[in-house]
Amino acid sequence: MNYMILVIVCLVFISIMSALAYYGYKKTITQEDYLVGGRTISPFVMALSYGATFISTSALIGFGGVSSLFGLSLLWLALLNIVLGVLVAFAVFGTRIRRLSVKLDAYTFPDLLGKRYKSKFLTIFSASMIFLFMPAYTSIVLVGGGRFLQESLAVNYDLALFILAIIVGIYVISGGIRAVMYTDAFGAIIMFIGMAIFLFVTYHILGGVEAAHKGLSAMKSMVPDALVEQGHQGWTSMPAFGSPIWWTVVSTIIMGVGIGVLAQPQLAMRAMTVNSDKSLYRSVLIGGVFIFFMTGAAFMIGPLSNLYFFQESGKIAIDVATGNVDLVIPTFINEIMPEWFIYLFTLTLLSATISTISSLIHLQGTAFGEDILKNVGVKKIAGLNTNRVGVLIGILAAVVLAYILPPGIIARATAFWFGICAAGFLPTLIGALFWKNATKQGAIFSTITGFAVSIIGFLFFHLKEAEAFGISQALFGKTTLLGFPWTFVDPLFYALPLSAVVFVVVSLMTKEKQHEQVENVDVKKSI
């Protein structure tokens, strides 16, 4: 590569992003501007920002690599991303979130839940879960960007992480959500162009859509024996029903991320930034097309890389990538794409990384400063705004975790975060939006149950995480407390139903008590 050209391209890109961030900074005057963009963000910018926040390097690099291992079955996740992640999230959930946030004067996701249920505890607990566990997700987005720069540009991995963290910190600290969303929208356009070209070239080099899929189907015998024993039936087929791989693909990847999107705080907050329901309805088409090209393209390119590598070297993708699925897509790009595309995809990955991390860091900062500290009476730390202190802590935590997380972790860490959010927040959020009889006690017990059961499941039952943490082994002398299939069943499958049952049962049990409290308040007001 011509590094002089690369430097010029990146400088132009950063200059445009900086100009947009500065524009956001100049329009950020009030706290409402910093937190929800003054509720005046256009539907076009909102949809692109939502999509860019949703689709990070975890999708393009992490899930693209995982799809090279598990095959086209991950396209079911792309379908859920469009139906639930865009159509339902915007037109059903989004409109109600927007109205409720305006009615309650709420500016953050924990604040929305706390004010709806009249519970400061719920606000602080929800914010604490975000602040404690979101860095794991943030860090793997950093890892995805860092791995691409390392593999494609021969940039030192440590230096890549440092540069990305600095850029994001500047945008978020200075301009708040406006700067984040304006830069998101620009980044989304770059991402869309990059992935559309990548998909087209992949099919072109493999002889077209029909030839590519026939060739991939014919490679069934190339599936490694270890994967066949776990239920792999080829890259164009679903895994064998009930097999270990089937449980991983369906429960962790497809359902974990596909359902979890509805309870993502950083995505739900986007609905609070527009000024009408019409804006959300207009965003559906833009968001749907964008998500289709981002996730659909990644989940098709990943499996097809096996066909290319087999034709060229007689190896499948995971072997070429030396066992690290996070390196499959960067390696494939280096193999098939012309030099000019490397420059474009560098901007695509930078856009995906910066857009998602900036949104996550902004959410962590507001969770720490706005929802936790201000609710316990702390407004400044050493003279600094608490939201901005939270941003700095969030960036530091993400960088530290990016150094210590093991290889090939991107897709699993994403599914972990989406899954625990679904179990912890989804019943409470649905109740807040759709059920008048939902009570404070129901919301509190449900949220605690969802997070607690999810975490217990990952530490003691789900094999990959239980093995990595080693807590079950240390306490009980076993890697996991239960055998198959529980070792491969994502905790979402039992944590979410249990959380929902607790929410409904406790709400029904405390409904009368809540009505009595409301009546007492009304009587006091009349007196």
Protein backbone atom coordinates (compact mmCIF):
# COMPACT_ATOMS: atom_id res chain seq x y z
CA MET A 1 0.00 0.00 0.00
CA ASN A 2 1.00 3.60 -0.57
CA TYR A 3 1.00 4.92 2.98
CA MET A 4 1.16 8.52 1.80
CA ILE A 5 -2.19 8.05 0.06
CA LEU A 6 -3.56 6.27 3.11
CA VAL A 7 -2.51 9.10 5.40
CA ILE A 8 -4.11 11.68 3.10
CA VAL A 9 -7.36 9.69 2.87
CA CYS A 10 -7.52 9.24 6.65
CA LEU A 11 -6.74 12.93 7.25
CA VAL A 12 -9.57 13.98 4.93
CA PHE A 13 -11.91 11.53 6.68
CA ILE A 14 -10.92 12.72 10.16
CA SER A 15 -11.24 16.35 9.04
CA ILE A 16 -14.82 15.79 7.89
CA MET A 17 -15.66 13.91 11.08
CA SER A 18 -14.07 16.66 13.15
CA ALA A 19 -16.01 19.34 11.32
CA LEU A 20 -19.27 17.47 11.98
CA ALA A 21 -18.30 16.96 15.63
CA TYR A 22 -17.51 20.68 15.93
CA TYR A 23 -20.88 21.52 14.38
CA GLY A 24 -22.51 19.30 16.98
CA TYR A 25 -20.47 20.98 19.69
CA LYS A 26 -21.59 24.46 18.59
CA LYS A 27 -25.24 23.37 18.69
CA THR A 28 -24.84 21.76 22.12
CA ILE A 29 -25.85 24.45 24.60
CA THR A 30 -28.16 22.86 27.13
CA GLN A 31 -28.10 19.56 29.02
CA GLU A 32 -30.97 18.41 26.81
CA ASP A 33 -28.77 19.07 23.76
CA TYR A 34 -25.92 16.99 25.23
CA LEU A 35 -28.16 14.08 26.22
CA VAL A 36 -30.85 13.84 23.49
CA GLY A 37 -29.88 16.41 20.86
CA GLY A 38 -32.61 18.81 21.93
CA ARG A 39 -35.09 16.25 20.50
CA THR A 40 -34.68 17.89 17.08
CA ILE A 41 -32.53 15.36 15.17
CA SER A 42 -33.77 14.67 11.61
CA PRO A 43 -35.17 11.19 10.79
CA PHE A 44 -32.45 10.68 8.16
CA VAL A 45 -29.65 11.36 10.64
CA MET A 46 -31.40 9.35 13.37
CA ALA A 47 -31.84 6.27 11.14
CA LEU A 48 -28.24 6.34 9.95
CA SER A 49 -26.94 6.96 13.46
CA TYR A 50 -29.04 4.06 14.77
CA GLY A 51 -27.74 1.77 12.04
CA ALA A 52 -24.12 2.84 12.48
CA THR A 53 -24.40 2.35 16.25
CA PHE A 54 -26.03 -1.05 15.78
CA ILE A 55 -23.61 -2.29 13.11
CA SER A 56 -20.11 -2.06 14.44
CA THR A 57 -16.91 -3.93 13.78
CA SER A 58 -18.50 -6.72 15.84
CA ALA A 59 -20.88 -7.31 12.92
CA LEU A 60 -18.51 -6.66 10.03
CA ILE A 61 -15.41 -8.36 11.45
CA GLY A 62 -16.66 -10.53 14.35
CA PHE A 63 -19.92 -11.92 12.99
CA GLY A 64 -18.57 -11.97 9.43
CA GLY A 65 -15.80 -14.22 10.71
CA VAL A 66 -18.17 -16.39 12.73
CA SER A 67 -20.40 -16.85 9.67
CA SER A 68 -17.35 -18.22 7.82
CA LEU A 69 -17.36 -20.98 10.44
CA PHE A 70 -21.11 -21.63 10.84
CA GLY A 71 -22.39 -20.70 7.39
CA LEU A 72 -25.39 -18.94 5.91
CA SER A 73 -27.61 -19.91 8.87
CA LEU A 74 -26.68 -16.55 10.37
CA LEU A 75 -28.88 -14.86 7.74
CA TRP A 76 -31.76 -15.57 10.12
CA LEU A 77 -30.12 -13.02 12.39
CA ALA A 78 -30.11 -10.47 9.56
CA LEU A 79 -33.87 -11.05 9.18
CA LEU A 80 -34.47 -10.51 12.91
CA ASN A 81 -32.27 -7.40 12.80
CA ILE A 82 -34.53 -5.88 10.16
CA VAL A 83 -37.91 -7.00 11.55
CA LEU A 84 -37.25 -6.47 15.26
CA GLY A 85 -34.24 -4.16 15.16
CA VAL A 86 -35.76 -1.66 12.75
CA LEU A 87 -39.49 -2.16 12.07
CA VAL A 88 -40.57 -3.01 15.62
CA ALA A 89 -37.87 -0.89 17.29
CA PHE A 90 -38.88 2.25 15.36
CA ALA A 91 -42.59 1.96 14.61
CA VAL A 92 -43.76 0.15 17.77
CA PHE A 93 -41.26 0.65 20.59
CA GLY A 94 -39.67 3.86 19.34
CA THR A 95 -42.84 5.91 19.10
CA ARG A 96 -43.86 5.01 22.64
CA ILE A 97 -40.36 5.58 24.02
CA ARG A 98 -40.32 9.02 22.42
CA ARG A 99 -43.73 10.00 23.81
CA LEU A 100 -43.01 8.65 27.28
CA SER A 101 -39.61 10.36 27.47
CA VAL A 102 -41.21 13.71 26.58
CA LYS A 103 -44.06 13.20 29.06
CA LEU A 104 -41.70 12.27 31.91
CA ASP A 105 -38.96 14.71 30.86
CA ALA A 106 -36.51 11.79 30.72
CA TYR A 107 -33.18 12.08 28.92
CA THR A 108 -31.57 8.66 29.42
CA PHE A 109 -32.70 5.04 29.29
CA PRO A 110 -32.30 4.40 33.07
CA ASP A 111 -33.98 7.75 33.76
CA LEU A 112 -36.93 6.72 31.58
CA LEU A 113 -37.42 3.46 33.48
CA GLY A 114 -36.92 5.08 36.88
CA LYS A 115 -39.41 7.88 36.25
CA ARG A 116 -42.00 5.57 34.69
CA TYR A 117 -41.94 3.31 37.76
CA LYS A 118 -41.22 6.12 40.24
CA SER A 119 -38.11 4.30 41.46
CA LYS A 120 -34.74 5.94 42.02
CA PHE A 121 -33.36 2.49 42.82
CA LEU A 122 -34.34 1.22 39.36
CA THR A 123 -32.59 4.18 37.73
CA ILE A 124 -29.38 3.63 39.69
CA PHE A 125 -29.40 -0.17 39.31
CA SER A 126 -30.04 -0.01 35.56
CA ALA A 127 -27.31 2.57 35.11
CA SER A 128 -24.93 0.48 37.20
CA MET A 129 -25.50 -2.56 35.00
CA ILE A 130 -24.79 -0.43 31.93
CA PHE A 131 -21.67 1.10 33.44
CA LEU A 132 -20.31 -2.23 34.72
CA PHE A 133 -21.03 -4.55 31.79
CA MET A 134 -21.11 -2.36 28.69
CA PRO A 135 -17.28 -1.94 28.66
CA ALA A 136 -17.07 -5.63 27.65
CA TYR A 137 -19.08 -4.83 24.51
CA THR A 138 -17.28 -1.53 23.92
CA SER A 139 -13.90 -3.22 24.14
CA ILE A 140 -14.64 -5.80 21.46
CA VAL A 141 -15.68 -3.02 19.05
CA LEU A 142 -12.25 -1.54 19.70
CA VAL A 143 -10.71 -4.97 19.17
CA GLY A 144 -12.44 -5.29 15.78
CA GLY A 145 -11.10 -1.94 14.60
CA GLY A 146 -7.66 -2.64 16.02
CA ARG A 147 -7.44 -6.10 14.41
CA PHE A 148 -8.35 -4.70 11.01
CA LEU A 149 -5.70 -1.98 11.22
CA GLN A 150 -3.18 -4.56 12.42
CA GLU A 151 -3.91 -7.08 9.65
CA SER A 152 -4.59 -4.80 6.68
CA LEU A 153 -2.34 -1.82 7.36
CA ALA A 154 0.44 -3.44 9.39
CA VAL A 155 -0.24 -0.94 12.19
CA ASN A 156 0.85 -1.91 15.68
CA TYR A 157 -2.23 -3.24 17.51
CA ASP A 158 -1.55 -1.27 20.70
CA LEU A 159 -1.12 1.94 18.73
CA ALA A 160 -4.36 1.29 16.80
CA LEU A 161 -6.34 0.94 20.05
CA PHE A 162 -4.83 4.10 21.46
CA ILE A 163 -5.61 6.19 18.36
CA LEU A 164 -9.22 4.98 18.14
CA ALA A 165 -9.80 5.65 21.86
CA ILE A 166 -8.42 9.20 21.62
CA ILE A 167 -10.56 10.08 18.59
CA VAL A 168 -13.76 8.79 20.21
CA GLY A 169 -13.02 10.51 23.52
CA ILE A 170 -12.64 13.90 21.85
CA TYR A 171 -15.95 13.59 19.96
CA VAL A 172 -18.02 12.43 22.91
CA ILE A 173 -16.61 14.73 25.58
CA SER A 174 -16.95 17.86 23.48
CA GLY A 175 -20.15 17.51 21.51
CA GLY A 176 -22.40 15.05 23.31
CA ILE A 177 -25.07 13.13 21.39
CA ARG A 178 -25.27 15.69 18.57
CA ALA A 179 -21.61 15.23 17.67
CA VAL A 180 -22.03 11.48 18.01
CA MET A 181 -25.06 11.31 15.71
CA TYR A 182 -23.72 13.67 13.04
CA THR A 183 -20.48 11.70 12.77
CA ASP A 184 -22.50 8.46 12.90
CA ALA A 185 -24.55 9.51 9.87
CA PHE A 186 -21.47 10.34 7.80
CA GLY A 187 -19.82 7.11 8.88
CA ALA A 188 -22.94 5.13 7.95
CA ILE A 189 -22.77 6.39 4.36
CA ILE A 190 -19.13 5.28 4.10
CA MET A 191 -20.02 1.90 5.61
CA PHE A 192 -22.90 1.38 3.18
CA ILE A 193 -20.75 2.10 0.12
CA GLY A 194 -17.89 -0.08 1.37
CA MET A 195 -20.01 -3.15 2.17
CA ALA A 196 -22.05 -2.89 -1.05
CA ILE A 197 -18.84 -2.92 -3.13
CA PHE A 198 -17.37 -5.75 -1.03
CA LEU A 199 -20.48 -7.93 -1.57
CA PHE A 200 -20.57 -7.25 -5.31
CA VAL A 201 -16.87 -8.04 -5.80
CA THR A 202 -17.16 -11.25 -3.72
CA TYR A 203 -19.91 -12.64 -5.95
CA HIS A 204 -18.17 -11.39 -9.10
CA ILE A 205 -14.87 -13.11 -8.30
CA LEU A 206 -16.71 -16.37 -7.48
CA GLY A 207 -18.60 -16.41 -10.79
CA GLY A 208 -21.93 -14.93 -9.75
CA VAL A 209 -24.58 -15.69 -7.15
CA GLU A 210 -25.67 -19.09 -8.48
CA ALA A 211 -22.15 -20.41 -9.09
CA ALA A 212 -20.93 -19.15 -5.73
CA HIS A 213 -23.69 -20.85 -3.74
CA LYS A 214 -23.46 -24.09 -5.71
CA GLY A 215 -19.72 -24.15 -5.14
CA LEU A 216 -20.14 -23.51 -1.42
CA SER A 217 -22.77 -26.28 -1.14
CA ALA A 218 -20.39 -28.70 -2.83
CA MET A 219 -17.80 -28.05 -0.11
CA LYS A 220 -19.78 -29.91 2.53
CA SER A 221 -17.10 -32.61 2.73
CA MET A 222 -14.53 -29.95 3.67
CA VAL A 223 -16.17 -29.23 7.03
CA PRO A 224 -13.68 -30.25 9.74
CA ASP A 225 -14.57 -33.49 11.55
CA ALA A 226 -14.68 -31.68 14.91
CA LEU A 227 -17.44 -29.40 13.59
CA VAL A 228 -19.32 -32.27 11.93
CA GLU A 229 -19.42 -34.10 15.26
CA GLN A 230 -21.01 -31.02 16.82
CA GLY A 231 -23.75 -30.78 14.20
CA HIS A 232 -22.27 -28.81 11.27
CA GLN A 233 -24.00 -29.87 8.00
CA GLY A 234 -22.29 -27.58 5.52
CA TRP A 235 -22.07 -23.84 5.02
CA THR A 236 -25.40 -23.58 3.16
CA SER A 237 -27.42 -25.65 5.67
CA MET A 238 -28.68 -25.18 9.20
CA PRO A 239 -26.80 -27.19 11.87
CA ALA A 240 -28.42 -30.45 12.98
CA PHE A 241 -31.37 -29.69 15.25
CA GLY A 242 -30.46 -29.84 18.96
CA SER A 243 -26.73 -30.24 18.30
CA PRO A 244 -24.11 -28.11 20.15
CA ILE A 245 -23.59 -25.88 17.11
CA TRP A 246 -27.37 -25.54 16.61
CA TRP A 247 -27.73 -24.28 20.19
CA THR A 248 -24.83 -21.88 19.72
CA VAL A 249 -26.14 -20.49 16.43
CA VAL A 250 -29.81 -20.30 17.41
CA SER A 251 -29.77 -19.47 21.12
CA THR A 252 -26.63 -17.33 21.39
CA ILE A 253 -26.15 -15.69 18.01
CA ILE A 254 -29.56 -15.49 16.33
CA MET A 255 -31.90 -15.16 19.31
CA GLY A 256 -29.46 -13.50 21.69
CA VAL A 257 -28.64 -10.63 19.35
CA GLY A 258 -31.91 -10.66 17.41
CA ILE A 259 -34.11 -10.23 20.48
CA GLY A 260 -31.57 -8.30 22.53
CA VAL A 261 -31.62 -5.40 20.08
CA LEU A 262 -35.02 -4.30 21.44
CA ALA A 263 -33.55 -3.68 24.88
CA GLN A 264 -30.30 -1.96 23.87
CA PRO A 265 -30.13 1.31 25.85
CA GLN A 266 -27.90 3.07 23.30
CA LEU A 267 -30.38 2.22 20.51
CA ALA A 268 -33.54 3.00 22.50
CA MET A 269 -32.14 6.45 23.25
CA ARG A 270 -32.16 7.28 19.52
CA ALA A 271 -35.97 7.40 19.64
CA MET A 272 -35.72 10.20 22.21
CA THR A 273 -33.82 12.47 19.81
CA VAL A 274 -36.56 13.09 17.21
CA ASN A 275 -39.54 15.41 17.53
CA SER A 276 -42.43 13.28 16.25
CA ASP A 277 -43.73 9.80 15.55
CA LYS A 278 -43.68 10.63 11.82
CA SER A 279 -39.92 11.00 12.01
CA LEU A 280 -39.63 7.46 13.35
CA TYR A 281 -41.94 6.05 10.66
CA ARG A 282 -39.84 7.78 7.99
CA SER A 283 -36.72 6.23 9.47
CA VAL A 284 -37.93 2.66 8.97
CA LEU A 285 -37.08 2.38 5.26
CA ILE A 286 -33.67 4.03 5.63
CA GLY A 287 -32.77 1.88 8.62
CA GLY A 288 -34.06 -1.33 7.03
CA VAL A 289 -32.07 -0.93 3.81
CA PHE A 290 -28.93 -0.01 5.73
CA ILE A 291 -29.18 -2.99 8.12
CA PHE A 292 -29.86 -5.36 5.21
CA PHE A 293 -26.69 -4.36 3.40
CA MET A 294 -24.59 -4.36 6.56
CA THR A 295 -25.60 -7.61 8.26
CA GLY A 296 -26.79 -9.45 5.16
CA ALA A 297 -23.57 -8.68 3.30
CA ALA A 298 -21.35 -9.70 6.22
CA PHE A 299 -23.22 -12.97 6.76
CA MET A 300 -22.95 -13.88 3.06
CA ILE A 301 -19.35 -12.83 2.52
CA GLY A 302 -18.10 -14.80 5.53
CA PRO A 303 -19.24 -18.25 4.33
CA LEU A 304 -18.29 -17.49 0.71
CA SER A 305 -14.71 -16.76 1.79
CA ASN A 306 -14.36 -20.52 2.33
CA LEU A 307 -14.98 -21.16 -1.36
CA TYR A 308 -12.41 -18.59 -2.43
CA PHE A 309 -9.71 -19.81 -0.06
CA PHE A 310 -10.36 -23.44 -1.06
CA GLN A 311 -10.03 -22.61 -4.74
CA GLU A 312 -6.83 -20.68 -4.15
CA SER A 313 -5.05 -22.73 -1.49
CA GLY A 314 -7.10 -25.84 -0.73
CA LYS A 315 -7.83 -24.54 2.77
CA ILE A 316 -11.00 -23.23 4.40
CA ALA A 317 -11.20 -19.73 5.89
CA ILE A 318 -10.59 -20.63 9.54
CA ASP A 319 -7.36 -22.43 8.60
CA VAL A 320 -6.12 -19.52 6.52
CA ALA A 321 -6.86 -17.21 9.47
CA THR A 322 -4.79 -19.49 11.76
CA GLY A 323 -7.81 -20.35 13.91
CA ASN A 324 -8.85 -16.77 14.75
CA VAL A 325 -12.29 -15.97 13.24
CA ASP A 326 -11.69 -12.26 13.85
CA LEU A 327 -8.99 -12.32 11.14
CA VAL A 328 -11.06 -14.00 8.40
CA ILE A 329 -12.62 -10.85 6.92
CA PRO A 330 -9.44 -8.71 7.03
CA THR A 331 -7.48 -11.56 5.38
CA PHE A 332 -10.18 -12.06 2.73
CA ILE A 333 -10.16 -8.35 1.89
CA ASN A 334 -6.40 -8.39 1.45
CA GLU A 335 -6.70 -11.36 -0.92
CA ILE A 336 -9.47 -10.27 -3.30
CA MET A 337 -9.80 -6.51 -3.20
CA PRO A 338 -7.74 -3.95 -5.16
CA GLU A 339 -5.52 -1.51 -3.29
CA TRP A 340 -7.96 1.39 -3.56
CA PHE A 341 -10.63 -0.64 -1.75
CA ILE A 342 -8.33 -1.15 1.23
CA TYR A 343 -8.37 2.61 1.66
CA LEU A 344 -12.17 2.68 1.42
CA PHE A 345 -12.64 -0.26 3.76
CA THR A 346 -10.23 1.32 6.20
CA LEU A 347 -12.67 4.23 6.35
CA THR A 348 -15.59 1.76 6.58
CA LEU A 349 -14.07 0.06 9.61
CA LEU A 350 -13.05 3.36 11.17
CA SER A 351 -16.63 4.57 10.68
CA ALA A 352 -18.08 1.40 12.21
CA THR A 353 -15.68 1.54 15.13
CA ILE A 354 -15.97 5.24 15.90
CA SER A 355 -19.76 5.39 15.48
CA THR A 356 -20.51 2.48 17.79
CA ILE A 357 -17.90 3.25 20.43
CA SER A 358 -18.87 6.91 20.60
CA SER A 359 -22.50 5.95 21.24
CA LEU A 360 -21.56 3.36 23.85
CA ILE A 361 -19.14 5.68 25.62
CA HIS A 362 -21.72 8.49 25.62
CA LEU A 363 -24.23 6.11 27.23
CA GLN A 364 -21.71 4.93 29.84
CA GLY A 365 -20.81 8.52 30.65
CA THR A 366 -24.42 9.59 31.15
CA ALA A 367 -25.18 6.41 33.14
CA PHE A 368 -22.32 7.23 35.49
CA GLY A 369 -22.84 10.98 35.77
CA GLU A 370 -26.53 11.57 35.12
CA ASP A 371 -28.16 8.42 36.47
CA ILE A 372 -25.87 7.27 39.28
CA LEU A 373 -23.95 10.20 40.76
CA LYS A 374 -26.61 12.89 40.40
CA ASN A 375 -29.17 10.60 42.03
CA VAL A 376 -26.92 10.28 45.07
CA GLY A 377 -26.22 14.02 45.20
CA VAL A 378 -22.85 14.25 43.41
CA LYS A 379 -22.78 16.89 40.67
CA LYS A 380 -19.04 17.48 40.22
CA ILE A 381 -15.85 15.44 40.62
CA ALA A 382 -12.76 17.57 41.16
CA GLY A 383 -14.62 20.40 39.44
CA LEU A 384 -15.36 18.31 36.36
CA ASN A 385 -18.76 17.46 34.87
CA THR A 386 -19.70 13.95 36.04
CA ASN A 387 -20.90 12.87 32.58
CA ARG A 388 -17.50 13.65 31.10
CA VAL A 389 -15.73 11.88 33.96
CA GLY A 390 -17.88 8.84 33.16
CA VAL A 391 -16.79 9.07 29.51
CA LEU A 392 -13.12 9.00 30.52
CA ILE A 393 -13.64 6.01 32.82
CA GLY A 394 -15.59 4.17 30.10
CA ILE A 395 -12.83 4.70 27.53
CA LEU A 396 -10.15 3.55 29.96
CA ALA A 397 -12.11 0.40 30.88
CA ALA A 398 -12.71 -0.46 27.21
CA VAL A 399 -9.02 -0.10 26.32
CA VAL A 400 -7.91 -2.23 29.29
CA LEU A 401 -10.38 -5.01 28.39
CA ALA A 402 -9.34 -4.85 24.73
CA TYR A 403 -5.82 -5.83 25.80
CA ILE A 404 -6.82 -8.76 28.00
CA LEU A 405 -9.74 -10.39 26.12
CA PRO A 406 -8.81 -13.58 24.24
CA PRO A 407 -8.75 -13.91 20.41
CA GLY A 408 -11.98 -14.70 18.54
CA ILE A 409 -14.13 -13.09 21.24
CA ILE A 410 -15.93 -10.39 19.23
CA ALA A 411 -19.17 -12.19 18.30
CA ARG A 412 -19.51 -13.92 21.69
CA ALA A 413 -19.03 -10.72 23.69
CA THR A 414 -21.64 -9.00 21.51
CA ALA A 415 -24.12 -11.82 22.10
CA PHE A 416 -23.34 -11.68 25.84
CA TRP A 417 -24.19 -7.98 26.08
CA PHE A 418 -27.31 -8.21 23.92
CA GLY A 419 -28.51 -11.27 25.85
CA ILE A 420 -28.17 -9.83 29.35
CA CYS A 421 -29.85 -6.61 28.22
CA ALA A 422 -32.80 -8.58 26.86
CA ALA A 423 -33.17 -10.58 30.07
CA GLY A 424 -32.68 -7.60 32.37
CA PHE A 425 -34.45 -4.77 30.55
CA LEU A 426 -36.94 -6.12 28.00
CA PRO A 427 -39.86 -7.16 30.29
CA THR A 428 -39.51 -3.95 32.29
CA LEU A 429 -39.37 -1.84 29.12
CA ILE A 430 -42.37 -3.58 27.55
CA GLY A 431 -44.31 -3.08 30.77
CA ALA A 432 -43.37 0.59 30.86
CA LEU A 433 -44.60 1.10 27.31
CA PHE A 434 -47.64 -1.19 27.07
CA TRP A 435 -49.00 -2.27 30.48
CA LYS A 436 -50.71 0.15 32.83
CA ASN A 437 -50.78 -2.38 35.67
CA ALA A 438 -46.99 -2.81 35.68
CA THR A 439 -45.68 -1.88 39.13
CA LYS A 440 -42.45 -0.58 40.59
CA GLN A 441 -41.91 -3.79 42.55
CA GLY A 442 -42.47 -5.90 39.44
CA ALA A 443 -39.94 -3.85 37.48
CA ILE A 444 -37.30 -3.98 40.20
CA PHE A 445 -37.57 -7.73 40.83
CA SER A 446 -37.71 -8.50 37.11
CA THR A 447 -34.64 -6.42 36.26
CA ILE A 448 -32.59 -7.90 39.10
CA THR A 449 -33.73 -11.43 38.19
CA GLY A 450 -32.87 -11.01 34.52
CA PHE A 451 -29.35 -9.78 35.13
CA ALA A 452 -28.66 -12.17 38.03
CA VAL A 453 -29.84 -15.30 36.22
CA SER A 454 -27.98 -14.31 33.03
CA ILE A 455 -24.72 -13.77 34.89
CA ILE A 456 -25.12 -17.01 36.87
CA GLY A 457 -25.81 -18.84 33.62
CA PHE A 458 -22.66 -17.51 31.98
CA LEU A 459 -20.48 -18.23 35.02
CA PHE A 460 -21.75 -21.71 35.89
CA PHE A 461 -23.63 -23.27 32.95
CA HIS A 462 -22.59 -21.88 29.55
CA LEU A 463 -19.37 -23.70 28.63
CA LYS A 464 -17.37 -21.01 26.83
CA GLU A 465 -17.75 -18.34 29.51
CA ALA A 466 -17.68 -20.73 32.49
CA GLU A 467 -14.45 -22.23 31.19
CA ALA A 468 -12.88 -18.81 30.62
CA PHE A 469 -13.78 -17.40 34.05
CA GLY A 470 -13.05 -20.63 35.95
CA ILE A 471 -15.25 -19.71 38.92
CA SER A 472 -17.29 -22.90 38.75
CA GLN A 473 -14.10 -24.96 38.56
CA ALA A 474 -12.63 -23.16 41.58
CA LEU A 475 -15.76 -23.47 43.74
CA PHE A 476 -17.18 -26.84 42.72
CA GLY A 477 -14.38 -28.64 40.89
CA LYS A 478 -16.43 -28.69 37.65
CA THR A 479 -16.15 -26.52 34.55
CA THR A 480 -19.96 -26.32 34.45
CA LEU A 481 -22.58 -27.43 36.94
CA LEU A 482 -24.87 -28.94 34.30
CA GLY A 483 -24.18 -31.09 31.24
CA PHE A 484 -25.32 -30.91 27.63
CA PRO A 485 -27.43 -29.23 26.29
CA TRP A 486 -27.20 -26.56 29.02
CA THR A 487 -23.53 -26.05 28.30
CA PHE A 488 -24.52 -24.69 24.86
CA VAL A 489 -27.91 -23.11 25.64
CA ASP A 490 -27.55 -19.35 25.93
CA PRO A 491 -28.73 -18.06 29.35
CA LEU A 492 -31.15 -15.79 27.48
CA PHE A 493 -33.35 -18.85 26.86
CA TYR A 494 -34.16 -19.24 30.54
CA ALA A 495 -33.26 -15.83 32.00
CA LEU A 496 -35.69 -13.87 29.80
CA PRO A 497 -38.76 -16.10 30.42
CA LEU A 498 -38.01 -16.14 34.15
CA SER A 499 -37.58 -12.37 34.22
CA ALA A 500 -40.89 -11.95 32.37
CA VAL A 501 -42.74 -14.31 34.73
CA VAL A 502 -41.34 -12.48 37.78
CA PHE A 503 -42.39 -9.15 36.28
CA VAL A 504 -45.99 -10.24 35.65
CA VAL A 505 -46.46 -12.17 38.91
CA VAL A 506 -44.96 -9.49 41.18
CA SER A 507 -46.85 -6.73 39.36
CA LEU A 508 -50.15 -8.56 39.84
CA MET A 509 -49.34 -9.22 43.49
CA THR A 510 -48.49 -5.55 44.17
CA LYS A 511 -51.08 -3.94 41.91
CA GLU A 512 -53.47 -3.09 44.73
CA LYS A 513 -50.68 -1.65 46.87
CA GLN A 514 -49.63 0.63 44.03
CA HIS A 515 -53.21 1.79 43.48
CA GLU A 516 -53.49 2.58 47.19
CA GLN A 517 -50.31 4.65 47.06
CA VAL A 518 -51.59 6.59 44.05
CA GLU A 519 -54.93 7.22 45.77
CA ASN A 520 -53.18 8.45 48.92
CA VAL A 521 -51.09 10.86 46.87
CA ASP A 522 -54.22 12.15 45.10
CA VAL A 523 -55.99 12.65 48.45
CA LYS A 524 -53.03 14.58 49.88
CA LYS A 525 -52.93 16.80 46.80
CA SER A 526 -56.65 17.57 47.13
CA ILE A 527 -56.27 18.40 50.83
